[in-house]
Amino acid sequence: MRSGVQEAERPSRSQKKRESLALQETGERLAALPRARLAALPLPDALREGLDDYARMGSYGARRRQLQYIGRLMREAQEDGSLQPLLDALDRL
């Protein structure tokens, strides 16, 4: 039996999906930026490499999968606290 307290502390599956899609959309915004602006942003190395790979891809399916990967990298960065400076810098653009 589940207690109401445990369920309230944990986000629902739908909430997790919404957050994941929001980070993927942010990744898409990053991918659309010119290289000079990307260079000025405080990006983790893995995320920078993921965005570079995305720019080189031509296939729709490959680009879609790469955006999912970028979203995963952004979720990992969010967990360790290194995403907030990037989001703040992106909002200033």
N, C-alpha and C. Protein backbone atom coordinates (compact mmCIF):
# COMPACT_ATOMS: atom_id res chain seq x y z
N MET A 1 0.83 -1.18 0.00
CA MET A 1 0.00 0.00 0.00
C MET A 1 0.88 1.25 0.00
N ARG A 2 0.52 2.21 -0.78
CA ARG A 2 1.30 3.45 -0.86
C ARG A 2 0.70 4.51 0.05
N SER A 3 1.56 5.25 0.66
CA SER A 3 1.05 6.34 1.49
C SER A 3 0.99 7.61 0.67
N GLY A 4 0.08 8.49 1.01
CA GLY A 4 -0.07 9.75 0.29
C GLY A 4 1.14 10.64 0.40
N VAL A 5 1.89 10.52 1.48
CA VAL A 5 3.08 11.34 1.67
C VAL A 5 4.15 10.96 0.66
N GLN A 6 4.36 9.67 0.44
CA GLN A 6 5.38 9.23 -0.51
C GLN A 6 5.04 9.67 -1.92
N GLU A 7 3.78 9.57 -2.31
CA GLU A 7 3.37 9.95 -3.65
C GLU A 7 3.48 11.46 -3.86
N ALA A 8 3.24 12.24 -2.83
CA ALA A 8 3.31 13.69 -2.95
C ALA A 8 4.76 14.16 -3.12
N GLU A 9 5.71 13.45 -2.54
CA GLU A 9 7.11 13.84 -2.62
C GLU A 9 7.72 13.55 -3.99
N ARG A 10 7.21 12.57 -4.66
CA ARG A 10 7.78 12.10 -5.91
C ARG A 10 6.97 12.65 -7.08
N PRO A 11 7.63 13.20 -8.12
CA PRO A 11 6.87 13.72 -9.26
C PRO A 11 6.23 12.58 -10.05
N SER A 12 5.10 12.87 -10.66
CA SER A 12 4.41 11.86 -11.45
C SER A 12 5.17 11.60 -12.75
N ARG A 13 4.84 10.53 -13.42
CA ARG A 13 5.47 10.20 -14.69
C ARG A 13 5.20 11.30 -15.71
N SER A 14 3.99 11.82 -15.72
CA SER A 14 3.65 12.91 -16.65
C SER A 14 4.47 14.15 -16.37
N GLN A 15 4.68 14.46 -15.10
CA GLN A 15 5.49 15.63 -14.74
C GLN A 15 6.92 15.44 -15.20
N LYS A 16 7.46 14.22 -15.03
CA LYS A 16 8.82 13.94 -15.49
C LYS A 16 8.93 14.11 -17.00
N LYS A 17 7.91 13.66 -17.73
CA LYS A 17 7.92 13.79 -19.19
C LYS A 17 7.85 15.26 -19.60
N ARG A 18 7.02 16.05 -18.91
CA ARG A 18 6.93 17.48 -19.23
C ARG A 18 8.27 18.17 -19.00
N GLU A 19 8.92 17.84 -17.89
CA GLU A 19 10.23 18.44 -17.59
C GLU A 19 11.27 18.01 -18.63
N SER A 20 11.21 16.76 -19.03
CA SER A 20 12.15 16.25 -20.03
C SER A 20 11.94 16.95 -21.37
N LEU A 21 10.69 17.12 -21.77
CA LEU A 21 10.40 17.81 -23.04
C LEU A 21 10.82 19.28 -22.97
N ALA A 22 10.65 19.90 -21.82
CA ALA A 22 11.07 21.30 -21.69
C ALA A 22 12.58 21.42 -21.85
N LEU A 23 13.33 20.49 -21.30
CA LEU A 23 14.79 20.53 -21.45
C LEU A 23 15.20 20.23 -22.88
N GLN A 24 14.46 19.34 -23.56
CA GLN A 24 14.75 19.08 -24.97
C GLN A 24 14.50 20.34 -25.81
N GLU A 25 13.42 21.06 -25.50
CA GLU A 25 13.14 22.30 -26.23
C GLU A 25 14.22 23.34 -25.96
N THR A 26 14.71 23.40 -24.74
CA THR A 26 15.83 24.29 -24.43
C THR A 26 17.06 23.88 -25.21
N GLY A 27 17.29 22.58 -25.33
CA GLY A 27 18.40 22.08 -26.14
C GLY A 27 18.25 22.46 -27.60
N GLU A 28 17.02 22.44 -28.09
CA GLU A 28 16.76 22.86 -29.47
C GLU A 28 17.06 24.35 -29.65
N ARG A 29 16.71 25.14 -28.65
CA ARG A 29 17.05 26.58 -28.70
C ARG A 29 18.55 26.77 -28.74
N LEU A 30 19.26 25.99 -27.93
CA LEU A 30 20.73 26.08 -27.91
C LEU A 30 21.30 25.68 -29.27
N ALA A 31 20.75 24.63 -29.87
CA ALA A 31 21.26 24.15 -31.16
C ALA A 31 21.04 25.18 -32.26
N ALA A 32 20.03 26.02 -32.12
CA ALA A 32 19.74 27.02 -33.14
C ALA A 32 20.61 28.27 -33.01
N LEU A 33 21.32 28.41 -31.90
CA LEU A 33 22.17 29.59 -31.71
C LEU A 33 23.40 29.54 -32.61
N PRO A 34 23.88 30.71 -33.03
CA PRO A 34 25.14 30.74 -33.80
C PRO A 34 26.31 30.25 -32.94
N ARG A 35 27.32 29.73 -33.59
CA ARG A 35 28.50 29.17 -32.89
C ARG A 35 29.14 30.19 -31.95
N ALA A 36 29.20 31.45 -32.35
CA ALA A 36 29.84 32.47 -31.51
C ALA A 36 29.09 32.63 -30.18
N ARG A 37 27.78 32.57 -30.22
CA ARG A 37 27.00 32.69 -28.98
C ARG A 37 27.14 31.45 -28.12
N LEU A 38 27.19 30.28 -28.76
CA LEU A 38 27.38 29.04 -28.00
C LEU A 38 28.72 29.05 -27.28
N ALA A 39 29.74 29.60 -27.94
CA ALA A 39 31.07 29.64 -27.34
C ALA A 39 31.08 30.51 -26.08
N ALA A 40 30.20 31.50 -26.03
CA ALA A 40 30.17 32.42 -24.89
C ALA A 40 29.38 31.85 -23.71
N LEU A 41 28.61 30.78 -23.92
CA LEU A 41 27.78 30.23 -22.85
C LEU A 41 28.57 29.23 -22.00
N PRO A 42 28.25 29.16 -20.71
CA PRO A 42 28.94 28.22 -19.82
C PRO A 42 28.37 26.80 -19.95
N LEU A 43 28.78 26.10 -21.02
CA LEU A 43 28.27 24.75 -21.29
C LEU A 43 29.21 23.68 -20.74
N PRO A 44 28.65 22.62 -20.17
CA PRO A 44 29.50 21.47 -19.83
C PRO A 44 30.09 20.88 -21.12
N ASP A 45 31.25 20.28 -21.05
CA ASP A 45 31.93 19.76 -22.24
C ASP A 45 31.09 18.75 -23.00
N ALA A 46 30.44 17.83 -22.30
CA ALA A 46 29.64 16.80 -22.97
C ALA A 46 28.47 17.43 -23.73
N LEU A 47 27.86 18.46 -23.14
CA LEU A 47 26.75 19.13 -23.80
C LEU A 47 27.23 19.89 -25.03
N ARG A 48 28.38 20.52 -24.94
CA ARG A 48 28.95 21.24 -26.09
C ARG A 48 29.23 20.26 -27.24
N GLU A 49 29.79 19.09 -26.91
CA GLU A 49 30.05 18.07 -27.93
C GLU A 49 28.75 17.56 -28.54
N GLY A 50 27.73 17.37 -27.71
CA GLY A 50 26.44 16.92 -28.21
C GLY A 50 25.82 17.92 -29.16
N LEU A 51 25.95 19.20 -28.86
CA LEU A 51 25.42 20.24 -29.74
C LEU A 51 26.22 20.31 -31.05
N ASP A 52 27.53 20.11 -30.96
CA ASP A 52 28.35 20.08 -32.18
C ASP A 52 27.96 18.91 -33.06
N ASP A 53 27.73 17.74 -32.45
CA ASP A 53 27.30 16.57 -33.22
C ASP A 53 25.95 16.83 -33.87
N TYR A 54 25.04 17.47 -33.14
CA TYR A 54 23.71 17.78 -33.69
C TYR A 54 23.83 18.65 -34.93
N ALA A 55 24.72 19.62 -34.89
CA ALA A 55 24.88 20.54 -36.02
C ALA A 55 25.40 19.81 -37.26
N ARG A 56 26.16 18.75 -37.08
CA ARG A 56 26.71 18.01 -38.22
C ARG A 56 25.74 17.00 -38.81
N MET A 57 24.70 16.66 -38.10
CA MET A 57 23.78 15.61 -38.56
C MET A 57 22.80 16.16 -39.58
N GLY A 58 22.48 15.32 -40.55
CA GLY A 58 21.55 15.74 -41.59
C GLY A 58 20.22 15.02 -41.54
N SER A 59 20.23 13.79 -41.09
CA SER A 59 19.03 12.97 -41.05
C SER A 59 18.08 13.44 -39.95
N TYR A 60 16.79 13.50 -40.27
CA TYR A 60 15.80 13.94 -39.30
C TYR A 60 15.79 13.03 -38.07
N GLY A 61 15.82 11.71 -38.30
CA GLY A 61 15.79 10.76 -37.19
C GLY A 61 17.01 10.88 -36.30
N ALA A 62 18.17 11.06 -36.92
CA ALA A 62 19.40 11.20 -36.14
C ALA A 62 19.37 12.48 -35.32
N ARG A 63 18.87 13.56 -35.90
CA ARG A 63 18.80 14.83 -35.17
C ARG A 63 17.82 14.73 -34.00
N ARG A 64 16.71 14.01 -34.21
CA ARG A 64 15.73 13.83 -33.15
C ARG A 64 16.33 13.03 -31.99
N ARG A 65 17.04 11.96 -32.31
CA ARG A 65 17.70 11.16 -31.27
C ARG A 65 18.76 11.98 -30.55
N GLN A 66 19.48 12.79 -31.30
CA GLN A 66 20.51 13.62 -30.69
C GLN A 66 19.89 14.65 -29.74
N LEU A 67 18.72 15.20 -30.11
CA LEU A 67 18.04 16.12 -29.20
C LEU A 67 17.62 15.41 -27.91
N GLN A 68 17.22 14.16 -28.02
CA GLN A 68 16.88 13.40 -26.81
C GLN A 68 18.13 13.22 -25.95
N TYR A 69 19.25 12.95 -26.59
CA TYR A 69 20.52 12.81 -25.86
C TYR A 69 20.90 14.14 -25.20
N ILE A 70 20.74 15.23 -25.92
CA ILE A 70 21.03 16.56 -25.36
C ILE A 70 20.13 16.81 -24.16
N GLY A 71 18.86 16.43 -24.26
CA GLY A 71 17.95 16.56 -23.13
C GLY A 71 18.42 15.77 -21.92
N ARG A 72 18.93 14.56 -22.17
CA ARG A 72 19.46 13.74 -21.07
C ARG A 72 20.67 14.40 -20.43
N LEU A 73 21.55 14.95 -21.26
CA LEU A 73 22.73 15.64 -20.72
C LEU A 73 22.30 16.85 -19.88
N MET A 74 21.25 17.53 -20.33
CA MET A 74 20.77 18.69 -19.58
C MET A 74 20.14 18.26 -18.26
N ARG A 75 19.44 17.12 -18.25
CA ARG A 75 18.88 16.62 -16.98
C ARG A 75 20.00 16.27 -16.01
N GLU A 76 21.06 15.65 -16.51
CA GLU A 76 22.19 15.32 -15.65
C GLU A 76 22.85 16.59 -15.10
N ALA A 77 22.97 17.60 -15.96
CA ALA A 77 23.55 18.87 -15.52
C ALA A 77 22.65 19.54 -14.49
N GLN A 78 21.34 19.37 -14.65
CA GLN A 78 20.40 19.95 -13.70
C GLN A 78 20.55 19.29 -12.33
N GLU A 79 20.77 17.99 -12.33
CA GLU A 79 20.92 17.26 -11.06
C GLU A 79 22.17 17.69 -10.30
N ASP A 80 23.26 17.98 -11.02
CA ASP A 80 24.48 18.38 -10.32
C ASP A 80 24.61 19.89 -10.15
N GLY A 81 23.59 20.64 -10.58
CA GLY A 81 23.56 22.08 -10.34
C GLY A 81 24.29 22.93 -11.36
N SER A 82 24.82 22.34 -12.41
CA SER A 82 25.57 23.13 -13.39
C SER A 82 24.70 23.67 -14.52
N LEU A 83 23.41 23.38 -14.50
CA LEU A 83 22.53 23.85 -15.57
C LEU A 83 22.01 25.26 -15.33
N GLN A 84 21.82 25.65 -14.09
CA GLN A 84 21.22 26.95 -13.79
C GLN A 84 21.99 28.13 -14.38
N PRO A 85 23.32 28.18 -14.28
CA PRO A 85 24.04 29.30 -14.92
C PRO A 85 23.81 29.36 -16.43
N LEU A 86 23.69 28.19 -17.06
CA LEU A 86 23.43 28.14 -18.49
C LEU A 86 22.04 28.69 -18.80
N LEU A 87 21.04 28.29 -18.03
CA LEU A 87 19.68 28.78 -18.26
C LEU A 87 19.59 30.29 -18.03
N ASP A 88 20.29 30.78 -17.02
CA ASP A 88 20.31 32.22 -16.76
C ASP A 88 20.94 32.96 -17.93
N ALA A 89 22.05 32.45 -18.45
CA ALA A 89 22.72 33.08 -19.59
C ALA A 89 21.86 33.02 -20.83
N LEU A 90 21.14 31.93 -21.02
CA LEU A 90 20.27 31.78 -22.19
C LEU A 90 19.10 32.75 -22.12
N ASP A 91 18.58 32.99 -20.92
CA ASP A 91 17.48 33.94 -20.76
C ASP A 91 17.92 35.37 -21.06
N ARG A 92 19.20 35.67 -20.85
CA ARG A 92 19.69 37.03 -21.12
C ARG A 92 19.89 37.28 -22.61
N LEU A 93 19.92 36.23 -23.43
CA LEU A 93 20.14 36.41 -24.87
C LEU A 93 18.92 36.94 -25.56
